[in-house]
Amino acid sequence: MSDEKAETPHQDQDFHYDIAPRRVSFDWERTPLHWIPDEPTATHVINVLHLLLPAGERWFVRVFKEALPLVRDETMLRDVKGFMGQEATHSVQHAYVLDHLAAQRLDTADYTRYVDFLFERLLGETPPFGLPVPPREWLRVRLATIAAIEQFTAVLGDWVLRADGLDAAEPDEVMLDLLRWHGAEEVEHRAVAFDMFQHCGGQGLPRYARRVGAMVVTAPVLAWLWVAGASYLIRNDPQLAGRLRYSLAEHNRAVAKGLLPSWRELGAAIPRYFKRSYHPSQEGSLRRAVDYLTVSPAASAARAAAGAIGRRAAL
């Protein structure tokens, strides 16, 4: 941007390394519909990720692609491209889970069409309803929204990496690996969206106001989408056949068992974000995330496959 001073992206205080996508794959053939045994509410509250992320992360990539010409810092440019590659992979892998749910007679199309409308129309390349928002400002609004969403994905990613309650419940190993691989990458690139917004979001108080305003809108919308998504999945679960509905009591019971993050943990992410001095490198443990990525079955298989391709290319 010619009218604004570029800022150097924040370097992690522990160590810095290149962010890169991992070409993972998962076999869903043996994953049951209730992949946390005897816990349909916890299962479906987490399954809302699969409803939101395919469209949402495709949208992240489109917005960042639109903003790439504004990036003038080479380190940030590499990190942003790595972020885009990771998010594109996340979108694809969660879309495969939707196919798996449909194969088990839980069709999600009636819900996901609203998610598609949100990201493709309401938050598309042009402001909705003919709102007179200049293109540069509309881009800043969407970058601020992505940064706010990524605040929660980083918190959720760190939670799932240390969720001993999930291990104790003996969930499906493939689904747990998907969640932890994804969660680790969210912690790995936790600061990229924030740094991108800071780089492109204007200067001083207007930029801070955009950041706060985006969170004020994003947090309640995400909460509503999550409750609506969990309610939809439980209501349409063919194995439950209408015997259960989403309830706060069942949700809180799952939280008490360590199967879901606590409301306190999620809510505390908001006031942290409002601090003028805040930076997402303060979220979670990057070391924990990187350590998991070294042992993740899917990430390990992707690393081995990439190594084999590299060795053949060298011959």
C-alpha atoms as a PDB file:
ATOM      1  CA  MET A   1       0.000   0.000   0.000  1.00  0.00           C
ATOM      2  CA  SER A   2       1.540   3.235  -1.084  1.00  0.00           C
ATOM      3  CA  ASP A   3      -0.098   5.364   1.625  1.00  0.00           C
ATOM      4  CA  GLU A   4       0.885   3.246   4.609  1.00  0.00           C
ATOM      5  CA  LYS A   5       4.087   2.180   6.311  1.00  0.00           C
ATOM      6  CA  ALA A   6       4.823  -1.536   6.086  1.00  0.00           C
ATOM      7  CA  GLU A   7       5.468  -3.312   9.350  1.00  0.00           C
ATOM      8  CA  THR A   8       7.840  -6.180   9.939  1.00  0.00           C
ATOM      9  CA  PRO A   9       5.995  -9.355  10.927  1.00  0.00           C
ATOM     10  CA  HIS A  10       6.407 -10.476  14.513  1.00  0.00           C
ATOM     11  CA  GLN A  11       8.982 -13.207  15.029  1.00  0.00           C
ATOM     12  CA  ASP A  12       8.133 -15.952  17.513  1.00  0.00           C
ATOM     13  CA  GLN A  13      10.104 -15.569  20.693  1.00  0.00           C
ATOM     14  CA  ASP A  14      11.071 -19.237  20.879  1.00  0.00           C
ATOM     15  CA  PHE A  15      12.043 -20.065  17.324  1.00  0.00           C
ATOM     16  CA  HIS A  16      11.023 -19.231  13.794  1.00  0.00           C
ATOM     17  CA  TYR A  17      10.728 -21.569  10.830  1.00  0.00           C
ATOM     18  CA  ASP A  18       8.982 -21.664   7.505  1.00  0.00           C
ATOM     19  CA  ILE A  19       5.234 -22.369   7.528  1.00  0.00           C
ATOM     20  CA  ALA A  20       4.408 -24.942   4.880  1.00  0.00           C
ATOM     21  CA  PRO A  21       1.397 -27.130   4.028  1.00  0.00           C
ATOM     22  CA  ARG A  22       1.500 -30.866   4.668  1.00  0.00           C
ATOM     23  CA  ARG A  23      -0.212 -32.989   2.024  1.00  0.00           C
ATOM     24  CA  VAL A  24      -2.010 -35.243   4.469  1.00  0.00           C
ATOM     25  CA  SER A  25      -4.772 -37.748   3.828  1.00  0.00           C
ATOM     26  CA  PHE A  26      -7.134 -39.682   6.086  1.00  0.00           C
ATOM     27  CA  ASP A  27      -9.023 -42.954   5.673  1.00  0.00           C
ATOM     28  CA  TRP A  28     -12.569 -42.524   6.983  1.00  0.00           C
ATOM     29  CA  GLU A  29     -13.846 -45.998   6.111  1.00  0.00           C
ATOM     30  CA  ARG A  30     -13.838 -47.297   9.701  1.00  0.00           C
ATOM     31  CA  THR A  31     -14.716 -44.047  11.515  1.00  0.00           C
ATOM     32  CA  PRO A  32     -18.128 -44.365  13.227  1.00  0.00           C
ATOM     33  CA  LEU A  33     -20.703 -41.608  13.182  1.00  0.00           C
ATOM     34  CA  HIS A  34     -20.291 -41.133  16.931  1.00  0.00           C
ATOM     35  CA  TRP A  35     -16.524 -41.089  16.905  1.00  0.00           C
ATOM     36  CA  ILE A  36     -16.424 -40.278  20.642  1.00  0.00           C
ATOM     37  CA  PRO A  37     -18.104 -43.444  21.984  1.00  0.00           C
ATOM     38  CA  ASP A  38     -21.432 -42.818  23.735  1.00  0.00           C
ATOM     39  CA  GLU A  39     -20.959 -39.039  23.485  1.00  0.00           C
ATOM     40  CA  PRO A  40     -23.180 -37.743  20.670  1.00  0.00           C
ATOM     41  CA  THR A  41     -23.303 -34.160  21.975  1.00  0.00           C
ATOM     42  CA  ALA A  42     -19.526 -33.819  22.293  1.00  0.00           C
ATOM     43  CA  THR A  43     -19.096 -35.551  18.935  1.00  0.00           C
ATOM     44  CA  HIS A  44     -21.407 -33.162  17.116  1.00  0.00           C
ATOM     45  CA  VAL A  45     -20.256 -29.994  18.857  1.00  0.00           C
ATOM     46  CA  ILE A  46     -16.791 -30.758  17.492  1.00  0.00           C
ATOM     47  CA  ASN A  47     -18.250 -31.858  14.155  1.00  0.00           C
ATOM     48  CA  VAL A  48     -19.429 -28.277  13.604  1.00  0.00           C
ATOM     49  CA  LEU A  49     -15.830 -27.642  12.530  1.00  0.00           C
ATOM     50  CA  HIS A  50     -16.508 -29.727   9.437  1.00  0.00           C
ATOM     51  CA  LEU A  51     -19.566 -27.616   8.633  1.00  0.00           C
ATOM     52  CA  LEU A  52     -17.781 -24.268   8.901  1.00  0.00           C
ATOM     53  CA  LEU A  53     -14.234 -24.853   7.759  1.00  0.00           C
ATOM     54  CA  PRO A  54     -14.493 -25.973   4.106  1.00  0.00           C
ATOM     55  CA  ALA A  55     -16.197 -22.734   3.014  1.00  0.00           C
ATOM     56  CA  GLY A  56     -14.511 -20.576   5.646  1.00  0.00           C
ATOM     57  CA  GLU A  57     -10.966 -21.586   4.831  1.00  0.00           C
ATOM     58  CA  ARG A  58     -11.553 -21.321   1.092  1.00  0.00           C
ATOM     59  CA  TRP A  59     -12.648 -17.760   1.846  1.00  0.00           C
ATOM     60  CA  PHE A  60      -9.490 -17.102   3.874  1.00  0.00           C
ATOM     61  CA  VAL A  61      -7.403 -18.088   0.867  1.00  0.00           C
ATOM     62  CA  ARG A  62      -9.397 -15.886  -1.529  1.00  0.00           C
ATOM     63  CA  VAL A  63      -9.110 -12.817   0.696  1.00  0.00           C
ATOM     64  CA  PHE A  64      -5.396 -13.332   1.257  1.00  0.00           C
ATOM     65  CA  LYS A  65      -4.851 -13.818  -2.454  1.00  0.00           C
ATOM     66  CA  GLU A  66      -6.584 -10.478  -3.020  1.00  0.00           C
ATOM     67  CA  ALA A  67      -4.301  -8.836  -0.439  1.00  0.00           C
ATOM     68  CA  LEU A  68      -1.008 -10.402  -1.585  1.00  0.00           C
ATOM     69  CA  PRO A  69      -0.018  -7.434  -3.805  1.00  0.00           C
ATOM     70  CA  LEU A  70      -0.043  -5.228  -0.690  1.00  0.00           C
ATOM     71  CA  VAL A  71       2.621  -7.278   1.097  1.00  0.00           C
ATOM     72  CA  ARG A  72       6.085  -5.824   0.769  1.00  0.00           C
ATOM     73  CA  ASP A  73       7.930  -7.779   3.451  1.00  0.00           C
ATOM     74  CA  GLU A  74       9.533 -10.969   2.085  1.00  0.00           C
ATOM     75  CA  THR A  75       9.321 -12.905   5.363  1.00  0.00           C
ATOM     76  CA  MET A  76       5.648 -12.079   5.707  1.00  0.00           C
ATOM     77  CA  LEU A  77       5.026 -13.009   2.089  1.00  0.00           C
ATOM     78  CA  ARG A  78       6.523 -16.479   2.654  1.00  0.00           C
ATOM     79  CA  ASP A  79       4.469 -16.966   5.820  1.00  0.00           C
ATOM     80  CA  VAL A  80       1.268 -15.797   4.125  1.00  0.00           C
ATOM     81  CA  LYS A  81       1.768 -18.195   1.237  1.00  0.00           C
ATOM     82  CA  GLY A  82       2.432 -21.005   3.716  1.00  0.00           C
ATOM     83  CA  PHE A  83      -0.734 -20.039   5.596  1.00  0.00           C
ATOM     84  CA  MET A  84      -2.738 -20.124   2.376  1.00  0.00           C
ATOM     85  CA  GLY A  85      -1.402 -23.582   1.529  1.00  0.00           C
ATOM     86  CA  GLN A  86      -2.249 -24.915   4.980  1.00  0.00           C
ATOM     87  CA  GLU A  87      -5.746 -23.447   4.959  1.00  0.00           C
ATOM     88  CA  ALA A  88      -6.474 -24.848   1.501  1.00  0.00           C
ATOM     89  CA  THR A  89      -5.467 -28.303   2.734  1.00  0.00           C
ATOM     90  CA  HIS A  90      -7.640 -27.930   5.845  1.00  0.00           C
ATOM     91  CA  SER A  91     -10.627 -27.028   3.688  1.00  0.00           C
ATOM     92  CA  VAL A  92     -10.221 -30.103   1.510  1.00  0.00           C
ATOM     93  CA  GLN A  93      -9.760 -32.541   4.396  1.00  0.00           C
ATOM     94  CA  HIS A  94     -12.783 -31.278   6.327  1.00  0.00           C
ATOM     95  CA  ALA A  95     -14.880 -31.445   3.156  1.00  0.00           C
ATOM     96  CA  TYR A  96     -14.008 -35.157   2.965  1.00  0.00           C
ATOM     97  CA  VAL A  97     -15.491 -35.567   6.453  1.00  0.00           C
ATOM     98  CA  LEU A  98     -18.742 -34.045   5.186  1.00  0.00           C
ATOM     99  CA  ASP A  99     -18.765 -36.709   2.480  1.00  0.00           C
ATOM    100  CA  HIS A 100     -18.233 -39.347   5.174  1.00  0.00           C
ATOM    101  CA  LEU A 101     -21.135 -37.986   7.225  1.00  0.00           C
ATOM    102  CA  ALA A 102     -23.356 -38.031   4.144  1.00  0.00           C
ATOM    103  CA  ALA A 103     -22.373 -41.659   3.505  1.00  0.00           C
ATOM    104  CA  GLN A 104     -23.677 -42.414   7.019  1.00  0.00           C
ATOM    105  CA  ARG A 105     -26.998 -40.722   6.180  1.00  0.00           C
ATOM    106  CA  LEU A 106     -26.230 -37.425   7.906  1.00  0.00           C
ATOM    107  CA  ASP A 107     -26.562 -34.946   5.065  1.00  0.00           C
ATOM    108  CA  THR A 108     -25.293 -31.470   5.976  1.00  0.00           C
ATOM    109  CA  ALA A 109     -26.236 -29.589   2.793  1.00  0.00           C
ATOM    110  CA  ASP A 110     -29.204 -27.777   4.360  1.00  0.00           C
ATOM    111  CA  TYR A 111     -26.846 -26.177   6.870  1.00  0.00           C
ATOM    112  CA  THR A 112     -23.731 -25.642   4.787  1.00  0.00           C
ATOM    113  CA  ARG A 113     -25.623 -23.666   2.132  1.00  0.00           C
ATOM    114  CA  TYR A 114     -26.065 -20.928   4.746  1.00  0.00           C
ATOM    115  CA  VAL A 115     -22.352 -21.067   5.565  1.00  0.00           C
ATOM    116  CA  ASP A 116     -21.587 -20.764   1.854  1.00  0.00           C
ATOM    117  CA  PHE A 117     -23.905 -17.740   1.627  1.00  0.00           C
ATOM    118  CA  LEU A 118     -22.125 -16.095   4.565  1.00  0.00           C
ATOM    119  CA  PHE A 119     -18.641 -16.403   3.097  1.00  0.00           C
ATOM    120  CA  GLU A 120     -19.379 -16.158  -0.617  1.00  0.00           C
ATOM    121  CA  ARG A 121     -22.042 -13.440  -0.625  1.00  0.00           C
ATOM    122  CA  LEU A 122     -22.053 -11.484   2.631  1.00  0.00           C
ATOM    123  CA  LEU A 123     -18.255 -11.491   2.863  1.00  0.00           C
ATOM    124  CA  GLY A 124     -17.456 -11.733  -0.841  1.00  0.00           C
ATOM    125  CA  GLU A 125     -15.283  -9.479  -2.971  1.00  0.00           C
ATOM    126  CA  THR A 126     -17.860  -6.684  -2.958  1.00  0.00           C
ATOM    127  CA  PRO A 127     -19.819  -5.369   0.064  1.00  0.00           C
ATOM    128  CA  PRO A 128     -23.317  -6.871   0.381  1.00  0.00           C
ATOM    129  CA  PHE A 129     -26.559  -4.983  -0.251  1.00  0.00           C
ATOM    130  CA  GLY A 130     -24.737  -2.333  -2.256  1.00  0.00           C
ATOM    131  CA  LEU A 131     -23.099  -0.823   0.837  1.00  0.00           C
ATOM    132  CA  PRO A 132     -20.887   2.128  -0.190  1.00  0.00           C
ATOM    133  CA  VAL A 133     -17.654   0.783   1.286  1.00  0.00           C
ATOM    134  CA  PRO A 134     -14.458   1.539  -0.695  1.00  0.00           C
ATOM    135  CA  PRO A 135     -12.668  -1.597  -1.980  1.00  0.00           C
ATOM    136  CA  ARG A 136      -9.566  -1.022   0.167  1.00  0.00           C
ATOM    137  CA  GLU A 137     -11.638  -0.588   3.310  1.00  0.00           C
ATOM    138  CA  TRP A 138     -13.737  -3.667   2.529  1.00  0.00           C
ATOM    139  CA  LEU A 139     -10.522  -5.679   2.189  1.00  0.00           C
ATOM    140  CA  ARG A 140      -9.388  -4.403   5.594  1.00  0.00           C
ATOM    141  CA  VAL A 141     -12.718  -5.395   7.143  1.00  0.00           C
ATOM    142  CA  ARG A 142     -12.347  -8.936   5.835  1.00  0.00           C
ATOM    143  CA  LEU A 143      -8.703  -9.209   6.921  1.00  0.00           C
ATOM    144  CA  ALA A 144      -9.718  -8.054  10.397  1.00  0.00           C
ATOM    145  CA  THR A 145     -12.463 -10.699  10.425  1.00  0.00           C
ATOM    146  CA  ILE A 146      -9.997 -13.444   9.510  1.00  0.00           C
ATOM    147  CA  ALA A 147      -7.635 -12.296  12.264  1.00  0.00           C
ATOM    148  CA  ALA A 148     -10.497 -12.467  14.788  1.00  0.00           C
ATOM    149  CA  ILE A 149     -11.505 -15.955  13.657  1.00  0.00           C
ATOM    150  CA  GLU A 150      -7.892 -17.118  13.832  1.00  0.00           C
ATOM    151  CA  GLN A 151      -7.780 -15.999  17.471  1.00  0.00           C
ATOM    152  CA  PHE A 152     -10.322 -18.724  18.240  1.00  0.00           C
ATOM    153  CA  THR A 153      -8.779 -21.361  15.976  1.00  0.00           C
ATOM    154  CA  ALA A 154      -5.459 -20.891  17.781  1.00  0.00           C
ATOM    155  CA  VAL A 155      -7.168 -21.310  21.175  1.00  0.00           C
ATOM    156  CA  LEU A 156      -9.050 -24.392  19.957  1.00  0.00           C
ATOM    157  CA  GLY A 157      -5.917 -25.798  18.350  1.00  0.00           C
ATOM    158  CA  ASP A 158      -3.943 -25.531  21.564  1.00  0.00           C
ATOM    159  CA  TRP A 159      -6.839 -27.014  23.546  1.00  0.00           C
ATOM    160  CA  VAL A 160      -7.162 -30.118  21.382  1.00  0.00           C
ATOM    161  CA  LEU A 161      -3.416 -30.778  21.594  1.00  0.00           C
ATOM    162  CA  ARG A 162      -3.630 -31.061  25.387  1.00  0.00           C
ATOM    163  CA  ALA A 163      -7.174 -32.474  25.731  1.00  0.00           C
ATOM    164  CA  ASP A 164      -6.476 -35.508  27.903  1.00  0.00           C
ATOM    165  CA  GLY A 165     -10.224 -36.005  28.314  1.00  0.00           C
ATOM    166  CA  LEU A 166     -10.491 -36.873  24.631  1.00  0.00           C
ATOM    167  CA  ASP A 167      -7.769 -39.510  24.961  1.00  0.00           C
ATOM    168  CA  ALA A 168      -9.521 -40.998  28.005  1.00  0.00           C
ATOM    169  CA  ALA A 169     -12.772 -41.288  26.022  1.00  0.00           C
ATOM    170  CA  GLU A 170     -10.998 -43.506  23.437  1.00  0.00           C
ATOM    171  CA  PRO A 171     -12.215 -41.653  20.332  1.00  0.00           C
ATOM    172  CA  ASP A 172     -11.657 -42.750  16.767  1.00  0.00           C
ATOM    173  CA  GLU A 173      -7.921 -42.401  16.174  1.00  0.00           C
ATOM    174  CA  VAL A 174      -8.241 -41.053  12.639  1.00  0.00           C
ATOM    175  CA  MET A 175     -10.593 -38.236  13.678  1.00  0.00           C
ATOM    176  CA  LEU A 176      -8.414 -37.367  16.649  1.00  0.00           C
ATOM    177  CA  ASP A 177      -5.366 -37.169  14.400  1.00  0.00           C
ATOM    178  CA  LEU A 178      -7.245 -34.898  11.954  1.00  0.00           C
ATOM    179  CA  LEU A 179      -8.212 -32.567  14.785  1.00  0.00           C
ATOM    180  CA  ARG A 180      -4.747 -32.490  16.317  1.00  0.00           C
ATOM    181  CA  TRP A 181      -2.931 -32.125  12.996  1.00  0.00           C
ATOM    182  CA  HIS A 182      -5.232 -29.235  12.137  1.00  0.00           C
ATOM    183  CA  GLY A 183      -4.967 -27.774  15.632  1.00  0.00           C
ATOM    184  CA  ALA A 184      -1.171 -27.940  15.524  1.00  0.00           C
ATOM    185  CA  GLU A 185      -1.080 -26.078  12.222  1.00  0.00           C
ATOM    186  CA  GLU A 186      -3.446 -23.446  13.622  1.00  0.00           C
ATOM    187  CA  VAL A 187      -1.000 -22.839  16.466  1.00  0.00           C
ATOM    188  CA  GLU A 188       1.871 -22.962  13.991  1.00  0.00           C
ATOM    189  CA  HIS A 189       0.427 -20.105  11.896  1.00  0.00           C
ATOM    190  CA  ARG A 190      -1.438 -18.403  14.766  1.00  0.00           C
ATOM    191  CA  ALA A 191       0.105 -14.972  14.110  1.00  0.00           C
ATOM    192  CA  VAL A 192      -0.014 -14.815  10.314  1.00  0.00           C
ATOM    193  CA  ALA A 193      -3.551 -13.443   9.876  1.00  0.00           C
ATOM    194  CA  PHE A 194      -2.995 -10.893  12.638  1.00  0.00           C
ATOM    195  CA  ASP A 195       0.309  -9.758  11.131  1.00  0.00           C
ATOM    196  CA  MET A 196      -1.292  -9.565   7.702  1.00  0.00           C
ATOM    197  CA  PHE A 197      -4.046  -7.328   9.050  1.00  0.00           C
ATOM    198  CA  GLN A 198      -1.549  -5.170  10.911  1.00  0.00           C
ATOM    199  CA  HIS A 199       0.449  -4.813   7.695  1.00  0.00           C
ATOM    200  CA  CYS A 200      -2.559  -3.869   5.550  1.00  0.00           C
ATOM    201  CA  GLY A 201      -5.055  -2.489   8.052  1.00  0.00           C
ATOM    202  CA  GLY A 202      -4.080   1.165   8.237  1.00  0.00           C
ATOM    203  CA  GLN A 203      -2.364   3.055  11.027  1.00  0.00           C
ATOM    204  CA  GLY A 204      -2.998   3.972  14.645  1.00  0.00           C
ATOM    205  CA  LEU A 205      -6.452   4.193  16.174  1.00  0.00           C
ATOM    206  CA  PRO A 206      -8.438   3.378  12.976  1.00  0.00           C
ATOM    207  CA  ARG A 207      -6.582   0.078  12.642  1.00  0.00           C
ATOM    208  CA  TYR A 208      -7.147  -0.801  16.308  1.00  0.00           C
ATOM    209  CA  ALA A 209     -10.824   0.119  15.981  1.00  0.00           C
ATOM    210  CA  ARG A 210     -11.152  -2.221  12.983  1.00  0.00           C
ATOM    211  CA  ARG A 211      -9.535  -5.028  14.972  1.00  0.00           C
ATOM    212  CA  VAL A 212     -11.830  -4.551  17.975  1.00  0.00           C
ATOM    213  CA  GLY A 213     -14.908  -4.074  15.804  1.00  0.00           C
ATOM    214  CA  ALA A 214     -14.232  -7.283  13.910  1.00  0.00           C
ATOM    215  CA  MET A 215     -13.993  -9.263  17.147  1.00  0.00           C
ATOM    216  CA  VAL A 216     -17.161  -7.660  18.560  1.00  0.00           C
ATOM    217  CA  VAL A 217     -19.070  -8.951  15.522  1.00  0.00           C
ATOM    218  CA  THR A 218     -17.195 -12.206  14.933  1.00  0.00           C
ATOM    219  CA  ALA A 219     -17.416 -13.696  18.444  1.00  0.00           C
ATOM    220  CA  PRO A 220     -21.247 -13.747  18.743  1.00  0.00           C
ATOM    221  CA  VAL A 221     -21.675 -14.832  15.113  1.00  0.00           C
ATOM    222  CA  LEU A 222     -19.335 -17.784  15.659  1.00  0.00           C
ATOM    223  CA  ALA A 223     -21.168 -18.703  18.869  1.00  0.00           C
ATOM    224  CA  TRP A 224     -24.507 -18.641  17.049  1.00  0.00           C
ATOM    225  CA  LEU A 225     -23.161 -20.680  14.129  1.00  0.00           C
ATOM    226  CA  TRP A 226     -21.747 -23.249  16.526  1.00  0.00           C
ATOM    227  CA  VAL A 227     -24.940 -23.727  18.528  1.00  0.00           C
ATOM    228  CA  ALA A 228     -27.021 -23.818  15.340  1.00  0.00           C
ATOM    229  CA  GLY A 229     -24.632 -26.326  13.775  1.00  0.00           C
ATOM    230  CA  ALA A 230     -24.585 -28.629  16.796  1.00  0.00           C
ATOM    231  CA  SER A 231     -28.379 -28.467  17.014  1.00  0.00           C
ATOM    232  CA  TYR A 232     -28.669 -29.317  13.319  1.00  0.00           C
ATOM    233  CA  LEU A 233     -26.327 -32.308  13.529  1.00  0.00           C
ATOM    234  CA  ILE A 234     -27.967 -33.774  16.627  1.00  0.00           C
ATOM    235  CA  ARG A 235     -31.470 -33.219  15.254  1.00  0.00           C
ATOM    236  CA  ASN A 236     -30.620 -34.922  11.955  1.00  0.00           C
ATOM    237  CA  ASP A 237     -28.443 -37.732  13.330  1.00  0.00           C
ATOM    238  CA  PRO A 238     -30.055 -40.937  11.982  1.00  0.00           C
ATOM    239  CA  GLN A 239     -28.736 -43.008  14.888  1.00  0.00           C
ATOM    240  CA  LEU A 240     -30.396 -40.726  17.442  1.00  0.00           C
ATOM    241  CA  ALA A 241     -33.693 -40.690  15.520  1.00  0.00           C
ATOM    242  CA  GLY A 242     -34.926 -37.571  17.314  1.00  0.00           C
ATOM    243  CA  ARG A 243     -34.308 -38.905  20.839  1.00  0.00           C
ATOM    244  CA  LEU A 244     -31.860 -36.134  21.739  1.00  0.00           C
ATOM    245  CA  ARG A 245     -31.634 -32.385  21.251  1.00  0.00           C
ATOM    246  CA  TYR A 246     -28.729 -30.053  21.817  1.00  0.00           C
ATOM    247  CA  SER A 247     -28.826 -28.678  25.361  1.00  0.00           C
ATOM    248  CA  LEU A 248     -26.551 -26.543  27.476  1.00  0.00           C
ATOM    249  CA  ALA A 249     -26.704 -29.166  30.231  1.00  0.00           C
ATOM    250  CA  GLU A 250     -25.337 -31.886  27.921  1.00  0.00           C
ATOM    251  CA  HIS A 251     -22.737 -29.489  26.544  1.00  0.00           C
ATOM    252  CA  ASN A 252     -21.565 -28.587  30.053  1.00  0.00           C
ATOM    253  CA  ARG A 253     -21.424 -32.255  31.030  1.00  0.00           C
ATOM    254  CA  ALA A 254     -19.057 -32.848  28.110  1.00  0.00           C
ATOM    255  CA  VAL A 255     -16.978 -29.845  29.181  1.00  0.00           C
ATOM    256  CA  ALA A 256     -16.704 -31.278  32.711  1.00  0.00           C
ATOM    257  CA  LYS A 257     -15.393 -34.541  31.255  1.00  0.00           C
ATOM    258  CA  GLY A 258     -12.745 -32.680  29.271  1.00  0.00           C
ATOM    259  CA  LEU A 259     -14.326 -33.511  25.916  1.00  0.00           C
ATOM    260  CA  LEU A 260     -14.930 -29.853  24.982  1.00  0.00           C
ATOM    261  CA  PRO A 261     -13.118 -26.615  25.837  1.00  0.00           C
ATOM    262  CA  SER A 262     -14.564 -24.628  28.710  1.00  0.00           C
ATOM    263  CA  TRP A 263     -16.595 -21.483  28.190  1.00  0.00           C
ATOM    264  CA  ARG A 264     -14.071 -19.650  30.377  1.00  0.00           C
ATOM    265  CA  GLU A 265     -11.175 -20.652  28.126  1.00  0.00           C
ATOM    266  CA  LEU A 266     -12.986 -19.549  24.984  1.00  0.00           C
ATOM    267  CA  GLY A 267     -14.350 -16.351  26.498  1.00  0.00           C
ATOM    268  CA  ALA A 268     -10.985 -15.275  27.921  1.00  0.00           C
ATOM    269  CA  ALA A 269      -9.574 -15.158  24.396  1.00  0.00           C
ATOM    270  CA  ILE A 270     -11.659 -12.040  23.687  1.00  0.00           C
ATOM    271  CA  PRO A 271     -10.374  -9.551  26.298  1.00  0.00           C
ATOM    272  CA  ARG A 272      -6.803 -10.678  25.542  1.00  0.00           C
ATOM    273  CA  TYR A 273      -7.385  -9.751  21.923  1.00  0.00           C
ATOM    274  CA  PHE A 274      -8.628  -6.289  22.901  1.00  0.00           C
ATOM    275  CA  LYS A 275      -5.314  -5.278  24.511  1.00  0.00           C
ATOM    276  CA  ARG A 276      -3.423  -2.781  22.395  1.00  0.00           C
ATOM    277  CA  SER A 277      -0.165  -4.670  23.090  1.00  0.00           C
ATOM    278  CA  TYR A 278      -1.607  -8.086  22.194  1.00  0.00           C
ATOM    279  CA  HIS A 279       0.019 -10.428  19.689  1.00  0.00           C
ATOM    280  CA  PRO A 280      -1.136 -13.996  18.873  1.00  0.00           C
ATOM    281  CA  SER A 281       2.345 -15.395  19.489  1.00  0.00           C
ATOM    282  CA  GLN A 282       1.185 -15.343  23.121  1.00  0.00           C
ATOM    283  CA  GLU A 283      -1.411 -18.041  22.373  1.00  0.00           C
ATOM    284  CA  GLY A 284      -0.713 -21.661  23.169  1.00  0.00           C
ATOM    285  CA  SER A 285       2.554 -23.514  22.779  1.00  0.00           C
ATOM    286  CA  LEU A 286       4.282 -23.539  19.428  1.00  0.00           C
ATOM    287  CA  ARG A 287       6.672 -26.185  20.723  1.00  0.00           C
ATOM    288  CA  ARG A 288       3.748 -28.470  21.625  1.00  0.00           C
ATOM    289  CA  ALA A 289       2.282 -28.001  18.152  1.00  0.00           C
ATOM    290  CA  VAL A 290       5.533 -28.742  16.350  1.00  0.00           C
ATOM    291  CA  ASP A 291       6.160 -31.768  18.580  1.00  0.00           C
ATOM    292  CA  TYR A 292       2.761 -33.207  17.642  1.00  0.00           C
ATOM    293  CA  LEU A 293       3.397 -32.674  13.960  1.00  0.00           C
ATOM    294  CA  THR A 294       6.491 -34.889  14.256  1.00  0.00           C
ATOM    295  CA  VAL A 295       4.411 -37.822  15.544  1.00  0.00           C
ATOM    296  CA  SER A 296       1.037 -37.304  13.835  1.00  0.00           C
ATOM    297  CA  PRO A 297       0.317 -40.397  11.704  1.00  0.00           C
ATOM    298  CA  ALA A 298      -1.065 -38.316   8.836  1.00  0.00           C
ATOM    299  CA  ALA A 299       1.706 -35.707   8.952  1.00  0.00           C
ATOM    300  CA  SER A 300       4.364 -38.428   9.237  1.00  0.00           C
ATOM    301  CA  ALA A 301       2.953 -40.245   6.201  1.00  0.00           C
ATOM    302  CA  ALA A 302       2.870 -36.958   4.247  1.00  0.00           C
ATOM    303  CA  ARG A 303       6.471 -36.243   5.215  1.00  0.00           C
ATOM    304  CA  ALA A 304       7.573 -39.720   4.115  1.00  0.00           C
ATOM    305  CA  ALA A 305       5.730 -39.391   0.807  1.00  0.00           C
ATOM    306  CA  ALA A 306       7.282 -35.976   0.157  1.00  0.00           C
ATOM    307  CA  GLY A 307      10.716 -37.397   0.948  1.00  0.00           C
ATOM    308  CA  ALA A 308      10.209 -40.289  -1.456  1.00  0.00           C
ATOM    309  CA  ILE A 309       9.182 -37.894  -4.224  1.00  0.00           C
ATOM    310  CA  GLY A 310      12.244 -35.774  -3.525  1.00  0.00           C
ATOM    311  CA  ARG A 311      14.561 -38.776  -3.675  1.00  0.00           C
ATOM    312  CA  ARG A 312      13.090 -39.905  -7.000  1.00  0.00           C
ATOM    313  CA  ALA A 313      13.455 -36.410  -8.403  1.00  0.00           C
ATOM    314  CA  ALA A 314      17.120 -36.386  -7.397  1.00  0.00           C
ATOM    315  CA  LEU A 315      17.865 -39.584  -9.340  1.00  0.00           C
END
